[in-house]
């Protein structure tokens, strides 16, 4: 064929640095174990509830929307239980979440646990 001379086939393979791969895997497993430790907060927020927004000159805002914002800022996750919401925050970010969500916690928190 006319194109056979134009084709080049690469037959070599790169040997992976297996020691480096093992070290990266160990770091990943350690990070995953640390990130799996969470504080679980349960909130009951009635429809139409408002709280002051973030910042010094913040206007009243939707309470659930503010909760979702604070969860996003701290790397957490939102879930539901009958009649309310559960929030899972990594232990390392729990203090920051509690600082941001102080008003929500004082008003709408019904339980928490690690």
N, C-alpha and C. Protein backbone atom coordinates (compact mmCIF):
# COMPACT_ATOMS: atom_id res chain seq x y z
N UNK A 1 0.83 -1.18 0.00
CA UNK A 1 0.00 0.00 0.00
C UNK A 1 0.87 1.25 0.00
N UNK A 2 0.29 2.32 -0.41
CA UNK A 2 1.02 3.58 -0.51
C UNK A 2 1.26 4.22 0.84
N UNK A 3 0.41 3.93 1.82
CA UNK A 3 0.55 4.59 3.12
C UNK A 3 1.38 3.80 4.13
N UNK A 4 1.75 2.59 3.83
CA UNK A 4 2.48 1.75 4.78
C UNK A 4 3.79 2.39 5.21
N UNK A 5 4.47 3.06 4.35
CA UNK A 5 5.75 3.69 4.68
C UNK A 5 5.58 4.89 5.60
N UNK A 6 4.37 5.50 5.64
CA UNK A 6 4.12 6.67 6.47
C UNK A 6 3.76 6.31 7.91
N UNK A 7 3.38 5.07 8.16
CA UNK A 7 2.95 4.66 9.49
C UNK A 7 4.14 4.25 10.34
N UNK A 8 4.13 4.70 11.58
CA UNK A 8 5.17 4.29 12.53
C UNK A 8 4.47 3.70 13.74
N UNK A 9 4.95 2.58 14.19
CA UNK A 9 4.34 1.91 15.34
C UNK A 9 5.31 1.99 16.50
N UNK A 10 4.83 2.49 17.63
CA UNK A 10 5.65 2.59 18.85
C UNK A 10 5.49 1.29 19.61
N UNK A 11 6.59 0.61 19.86
CA UNK A 11 6.52 -0.68 20.55
C UNK A 11 7.16 -0.65 21.94
N UNK A 12 7.67 0.50 22.35
CA UNK A 12 8.28 0.57 23.68
C UNK A 12 7.23 0.95 24.72
N UNK A 13 7.47 0.60 25.95
CA UNK A 13 6.55 0.93 27.05
C UNK A 13 7.34 1.59 28.16
N UNK A 14 6.71 2.51 28.85
CA UNK A 14 7.36 3.20 29.96
C UNK A 14 7.17 2.36 31.23
N UNK A 15 8.25 2.15 31.95
CA UNK A 15 8.18 1.41 33.20
C UNK A 15 7.82 2.39 34.30
N UNK A 16 6.76 2.08 35.02
CA UNK A 16 6.29 2.96 36.08
C UNK A 16 7.21 2.91 37.29
N UNK A 17 7.27 3.99 37.98
CA UNK A 17 8.00 4.07 39.25
C UNK A 17 7.09 3.47 40.32
N UNK A 18 7.21 2.17 40.54
CA UNK A 18 6.31 1.47 41.45
C UNK A 18 6.41 1.97 42.89
N UNK A 19 7.60 2.37 43.30
CA UNK A 19 7.77 2.90 44.65
C UNK A 19 7.01 4.22 44.80
N UNK A 20 7.10 5.07 43.79
CA UNK A 20 6.37 6.34 43.81
C UNK A 20 4.87 6.13 43.81
N UNK A 21 4.42 5.15 43.04
CA UNK A 21 2.99 4.83 43.00
C UNK A 21 2.53 4.36 44.38
N UNK A 22 3.32 3.53 45.04
CA UNK A 22 2.96 3.03 46.36
C UNK A 22 2.90 4.17 47.39
N UNK A 23 3.84 5.11 47.29
CA UNK A 23 3.84 6.26 48.22
C UNK A 23 2.61 7.14 48.00
N UNK A 24 2.26 7.39 46.74
CA UNK A 24 1.07 8.20 46.45
C UNK A 24 -0.20 7.49 46.94
N UNK A 25 -0.24 6.18 46.79
CA UNK A 25 -1.40 5.42 47.26
C UNK A 25 -1.53 5.52 48.77
N UNK A 26 -0.44 5.41 49.49
CA UNK A 26 -0.46 5.53 50.95
C UNK A 26 -0.97 6.90 51.38
N UNK A 27 -0.50 7.96 50.71
CA UNK A 27 -0.96 9.32 51.02
C UNK A 27 -2.46 9.46 50.74
N UNK A 28 -2.91 8.89 49.63
CA UNK A 28 -4.33 8.95 49.29
C UNK A 28 -5.17 8.22 50.33
N UNK A 29 -4.77 7.04 50.75
CA UNK A 29 -5.51 6.28 51.75
C UNK A 29 -5.55 7.04 53.07
N UNK A 30 -4.44 7.66 53.47
CA UNK A 30 -4.41 8.44 54.70
C UNK A 30 -5.35 9.64 54.60
N UNK A 31 -5.35 10.31 53.45
CA UNK A 31 -6.25 11.46 53.25
C UNK A 31 -7.70 11.01 53.28
N UNK A 32 -8.01 9.90 52.62
CA UNK A 32 -9.39 9.40 52.59
C UNK A 32 -9.86 9.03 54.00
N UNK A 33 -8.98 8.44 54.80
CA UNK A 33 -9.35 8.08 56.17
C UNK A 33 -9.62 9.32 57.01
N UNK A 34 -8.79 10.35 56.84
CA UNK A 34 -9.00 11.59 57.59
C UNK A 34 -10.27 12.29 57.14
N UNK A 35 -10.54 12.28 55.85
CA UNK A 35 -11.73 12.96 55.32
C UNK A 35 -13.01 12.21 55.65
N UNK A 36 -12.91 10.92 55.98
CA UNK A 36 -14.12 10.15 56.25
C UNK A 36 -14.67 10.43 57.65
N UNK A 37 -13.90 11.08 58.51
CA UNK A 37 -14.37 11.43 59.85
C UNK A 37 -15.18 12.71 59.73
N UNK A 38 -16.46 12.62 60.08
CA UNK A 38 -17.35 13.76 59.91
C UNK A 38 -18.16 14.02 61.17
N UNK A 39 -18.63 15.25 61.28
CA UNK A 39 -19.61 15.62 62.30
C UNK A 39 -20.93 15.73 61.56
N UNK A 40 -21.97 15.13 62.12
CA UNK A 40 -23.29 15.15 61.50
C UNK A 40 -24.20 16.05 62.33
N UNK A 41 -24.76 17.05 61.67
CA UNK A 41 -25.68 17.99 62.31
C UNK A 41 -27.07 17.74 61.73
N UNK A 42 -28.11 17.82 62.55
CA UNK A 42 -29.49 17.69 62.07
C UNK A 42 -30.21 19.01 62.32
N UNK A 43 -30.80 19.55 61.28
CA UNK A 43 -31.52 20.81 61.35
C UNK A 43 -32.97 20.61 60.95
N UNK A 44 -33.86 21.34 61.60
CA UNK A 44 -35.25 21.42 61.17
C UNK A 44 -35.50 22.90 60.87
N UNK A 45 -35.60 23.22 59.58
CA UNK A 45 -35.78 24.60 59.14
C UNK A 45 -37.16 24.72 58.52
N UNK A 46 -38.05 25.50 59.15
CA UNK A 46 -39.40 25.64 58.58
C UNK A 46 -39.37 26.38 57.24
N UNK A 47 -40.34 26.11 56.37
CA UNK A 47 -40.40 26.82 55.09
C UNK A 47 -40.51 28.33 55.31
N UNK A 48 -39.78 29.08 54.53
CA UNK A 48 -39.83 30.54 54.62
C UNK A 48 -38.97 31.15 55.71
N UNK A 49 -38.23 30.33 56.47
CA UNK A 49 -37.38 30.85 57.54
C UNK A 49 -36.22 31.65 56.95
N UNK A 50 -35.86 32.73 57.63
CA UNK A 50 -34.75 33.56 57.18
C UNK A 50 -33.73 33.74 58.31
N UNK A 51 -32.50 34.00 57.91
CA UNK A 51 -31.41 34.34 58.84
C UNK A 51 -30.60 35.45 58.19
N UNK A 52 -29.77 36.12 58.99
CA UNK A 52 -28.92 37.15 58.39
C UNK A 52 -27.86 36.45 57.54
N UNK A 53 -27.54 37.07 56.41
CA UNK A 53 -26.54 36.51 55.50
C UNK A 53 -25.14 36.69 56.06
N UNK A 54 -24.17 36.22 55.31
CA UNK A 54 -22.77 36.35 55.73
C UNK A 54 -22.30 37.78 55.48
N UNK A 55 -21.43 38.26 56.34
CA UNK A 55 -20.86 39.60 56.16
C UNK A 55 -21.46 40.60 57.13
N UNK A 56 -20.77 41.72 57.34
CA UNK A 56 -21.21 42.71 58.33
C UNK A 56 -22.50 43.44 57.96
N UNK A 57 -22.75 43.67 56.70
CA UNK A 57 -23.95 44.40 56.29
C UNK A 57 -24.95 43.50 55.59
N UNK A 58 -25.00 42.23 56.00
CA UNK A 58 -25.83 41.25 55.32
C UNK A 58 -27.31 41.44 55.64
N UNK A 59 -28.11 41.27 54.63
CA UNK A 59 -29.56 41.34 54.76
C UNK A 59 -30.09 39.95 55.10
N UNK A 60 -31.32 39.88 55.62
CA UNK A 60 -31.92 38.56 55.87
C UNK A 60 -32.05 37.76 54.57
N UNK A 61 -31.72 36.49 54.66
CA UNK A 61 -31.77 35.61 53.49
C UNK A 61 -32.44 34.29 53.88
N UNK A 62 -32.79 33.53 52.86
CA UNK A 62 -33.40 32.22 53.07
C UNK A 62 -32.47 31.33 53.91
N UNK A 63 -33.00 30.76 54.99
CA UNK A 63 -32.18 29.98 55.91
C UNK A 63 -31.58 28.74 55.24
N UNK A 64 -32.39 28.03 54.45
CA UNK A 64 -31.86 26.83 53.79
C UNK A 64 -30.77 27.20 52.79
N UNK A 65 -30.96 28.27 52.04
CA UNK A 65 -29.94 28.71 51.10
C UNK A 65 -28.64 29.06 51.79
N UNK A 66 -28.73 29.72 52.93
CA UNK A 66 -27.53 30.07 53.70
C UNK A 66 -26.84 28.81 54.22
N UNK A 67 -27.64 27.84 54.67
CA UNK A 67 -27.07 26.58 55.14
C UNK A 67 -26.32 25.89 54.00
N UNK A 68 -26.92 25.84 52.83
CA UNK A 68 -26.26 25.21 51.68
C UNK A 68 -24.96 25.93 51.32
N UNK A 69 -24.95 27.26 51.41
CA UNK A 69 -23.73 28.02 51.15
C UNK A 69 -22.64 27.66 52.15
N UNK A 70 -22.99 27.58 53.41
CA UNK A 70 -22.00 27.26 54.45
C UNK A 70 -21.48 25.84 54.31
N UNK A 71 -22.33 24.94 53.88
CA UNK A 71 -21.89 23.56 53.63
C UNK A 71 -20.87 23.55 52.49
N UNK A 72 -21.16 24.28 51.43
CA UNK A 72 -20.25 24.33 50.29
C UNK A 72 -18.91 24.96 50.68
N UNK A 73 -18.93 25.98 51.51
CA UNK A 73 -17.70 26.65 51.92
C UNK A 73 -16.82 25.78 52.81
N UNK A 74 -17.40 24.77 53.45
CA UNK A 74 -16.62 23.93 54.36
C UNK A 74 -16.45 22.50 53.86
N UNK A 75 -16.85 22.22 52.63
CA UNK A 75 -16.61 20.90 52.05
C UNK A 75 -17.52 19.82 52.58
N UNK A 76 -18.71 20.18 53.01
CA UNK A 76 -19.64 19.20 53.57
C UNK A 76 -20.62 18.67 52.56
N UNK A 77 -21.62 17.96 53.07
CA UNK A 77 -22.65 17.37 52.23
C UNK A 77 -24.00 17.52 52.93
N UNK A 78 -25.05 17.63 52.14
CA UNK A 78 -26.40 17.82 52.65
C UNK A 78 -27.22 16.58 52.38
N UNK A 79 -28.01 16.18 53.35
CA UNK A 79 -28.92 15.05 53.19
C UNK A 79 -30.25 15.39 53.84
N UNK A 80 -31.19 14.48 53.73
CA UNK A 80 -32.52 14.70 54.30
C UNK A 80 -32.85 13.59 55.28
N UNK A 81 -33.63 13.94 56.30
CA UNK A 81 -34.27 12.96 57.15
C UNK A 81 -35.71 13.43 57.30
N UNK A 82 -36.62 12.58 57.74
CA UNK A 82 -38.03 13.00 57.82
C UNK A 82 -38.19 14.27 58.66
N UNK A 83 -38.61 15.33 58.02
CA UNK A 83 -38.86 16.59 58.71
C UNK A 83 -37.67 17.52 58.80
N UNK A 84 -36.53 17.16 58.24
CA UNK A 84 -35.38 18.03 58.37
C UNK A 84 -34.24 17.71 57.43
N UNK A 85 -33.09 18.28 57.73
CA UNK A 85 -31.89 18.13 56.91
C UNK A 85 -30.73 17.65 57.76
N UNK A 86 -29.90 16.80 57.20
CA UNK A 86 -28.66 16.41 57.87
C UNK A 86 -27.50 17.03 57.11
N UNK A 87 -26.52 17.47 57.85
CA UNK A 87 -25.33 18.10 57.28
C UNK A 87 -24.13 17.30 57.77
N UNK A 88 -23.30 16.84 56.82
CA UNK A 88 -22.07 16.10 57.15
C UNK A 88 -20.89 17.01 56.82
N UNK A 89 -20.13 17.36 57.86
CA UNK A 89 -18.97 18.25 57.71
C UNK A 89 -17.72 17.49 58.18
N UNK A 90 -16.63 17.51 57.40
CA UNK A 90 -15.39 16.88 57.87
C UNK A 90 -14.97 17.47 59.21
N UNK A 91 -14.47 16.63 60.10
CA UNK A 91 -14.07 17.06 61.44
C UNK A 91 -13.11 18.25 61.36
N UNK A 92 -12.20 18.22 60.40
CA UNK A 92 -11.22 19.29 60.27
C UNK A 92 -11.87 20.64 59.96
N UNK A 93 -13.06 20.65 59.36
CA UNK A 93 -13.74 21.90 59.00
C UNK A 93 -14.91 22.22 59.92
N UNK A 94 -15.14 21.41 60.94
CA UNK A 94 -16.30 21.60 61.81
C UNK A 94 -16.27 22.94 62.55
N UNK A 95 -15.13 23.37 63.04
CA UNK A 95 -15.04 24.65 63.76
C UNK A 95 -15.40 25.81 62.84
N UNK A 96 -14.92 25.76 61.60
CA UNK A 96 -15.26 26.83 60.65
C UNK A 96 -16.75 26.82 60.33
N UNK A 97 -17.32 25.63 60.12
CA UNK A 97 -18.75 25.53 59.85
C UNK A 97 -19.55 26.11 61.02
N UNK A 98 -19.18 25.74 62.24
CA UNK A 98 -19.91 26.22 63.41
C UNK A 98 -19.79 27.74 63.56
N UNK A 99 -18.66 28.29 63.17
CA UNK A 99 -18.50 29.74 63.21
C UNK A 99 -19.40 30.41 62.17
N UNK A 100 -19.42 29.87 60.96
CA UNK A 100 -20.25 30.44 59.90
C UNK A 100 -21.74 30.26 60.18
N UNK A 101 -22.11 29.11 60.71
CA UNK A 101 -23.52 28.77 60.88
C UNK A 101 -24.04 29.01 62.30
N UNK A 102 -23.38 29.87 63.04
CA UNK A 102 -23.74 30.08 64.44
C UNK A 102 -25.23 30.38 64.63
N UNK A 103 -25.78 31.30 63.85
CA UNK A 103 -27.19 31.66 63.97
C UNK A 103 -28.09 30.49 63.62
N UNK A 104 -27.75 29.77 62.56
CA UNK A 104 -28.54 28.60 62.18
C UNK A 104 -28.50 27.53 63.26
N UNK A 105 -27.33 27.32 63.82
CA UNK A 105 -27.19 26.30 64.88
C UNK A 105 -28.00 26.69 66.10
N UNK A 106 -27.91 27.95 66.51
CA UNK A 106 -28.66 28.40 67.69
C UNK A 106 -30.17 28.30 67.48
N UNK A 107 -30.63 28.48 66.26
CA UNK A 107 -32.06 28.54 66.00
C UNK A 107 -32.68 27.22 65.55
N UNK A 108 -31.98 26.48 64.68
CA UNK A 108 -32.61 25.33 64.02
C UNK A 108 -31.97 23.97 64.29
N UNK A 109 -30.85 23.90 65.01
CA UNK A 109 -30.18 22.61 65.25
C UNK A 109 -31.00 21.76 66.23
N UNK A 110 -31.22 20.49 65.89
CA UNK A 110 -31.93 19.59 66.79
C UNK A 110 -31.04 18.49 67.35
N UNK A 111 -29.95 18.16 66.65
CA UNK A 111 -29.00 17.17 67.19
C UNK A 111 -27.69 17.23 66.41
N UNK A 112 -26.65 16.63 66.98
CA UNK A 112 -25.36 16.52 66.30
C UNK A 112 -24.60 15.35 66.88
N UNK A 113 -23.63 14.86 66.15
CA UNK A 113 -22.81 13.76 66.61
C UNK A 113 -21.63 13.53 65.69
N UNK A 114 -20.65 12.79 66.19
CA UNK A 114 -19.45 12.49 65.39
C UNK A 114 -19.54 11.06 64.90
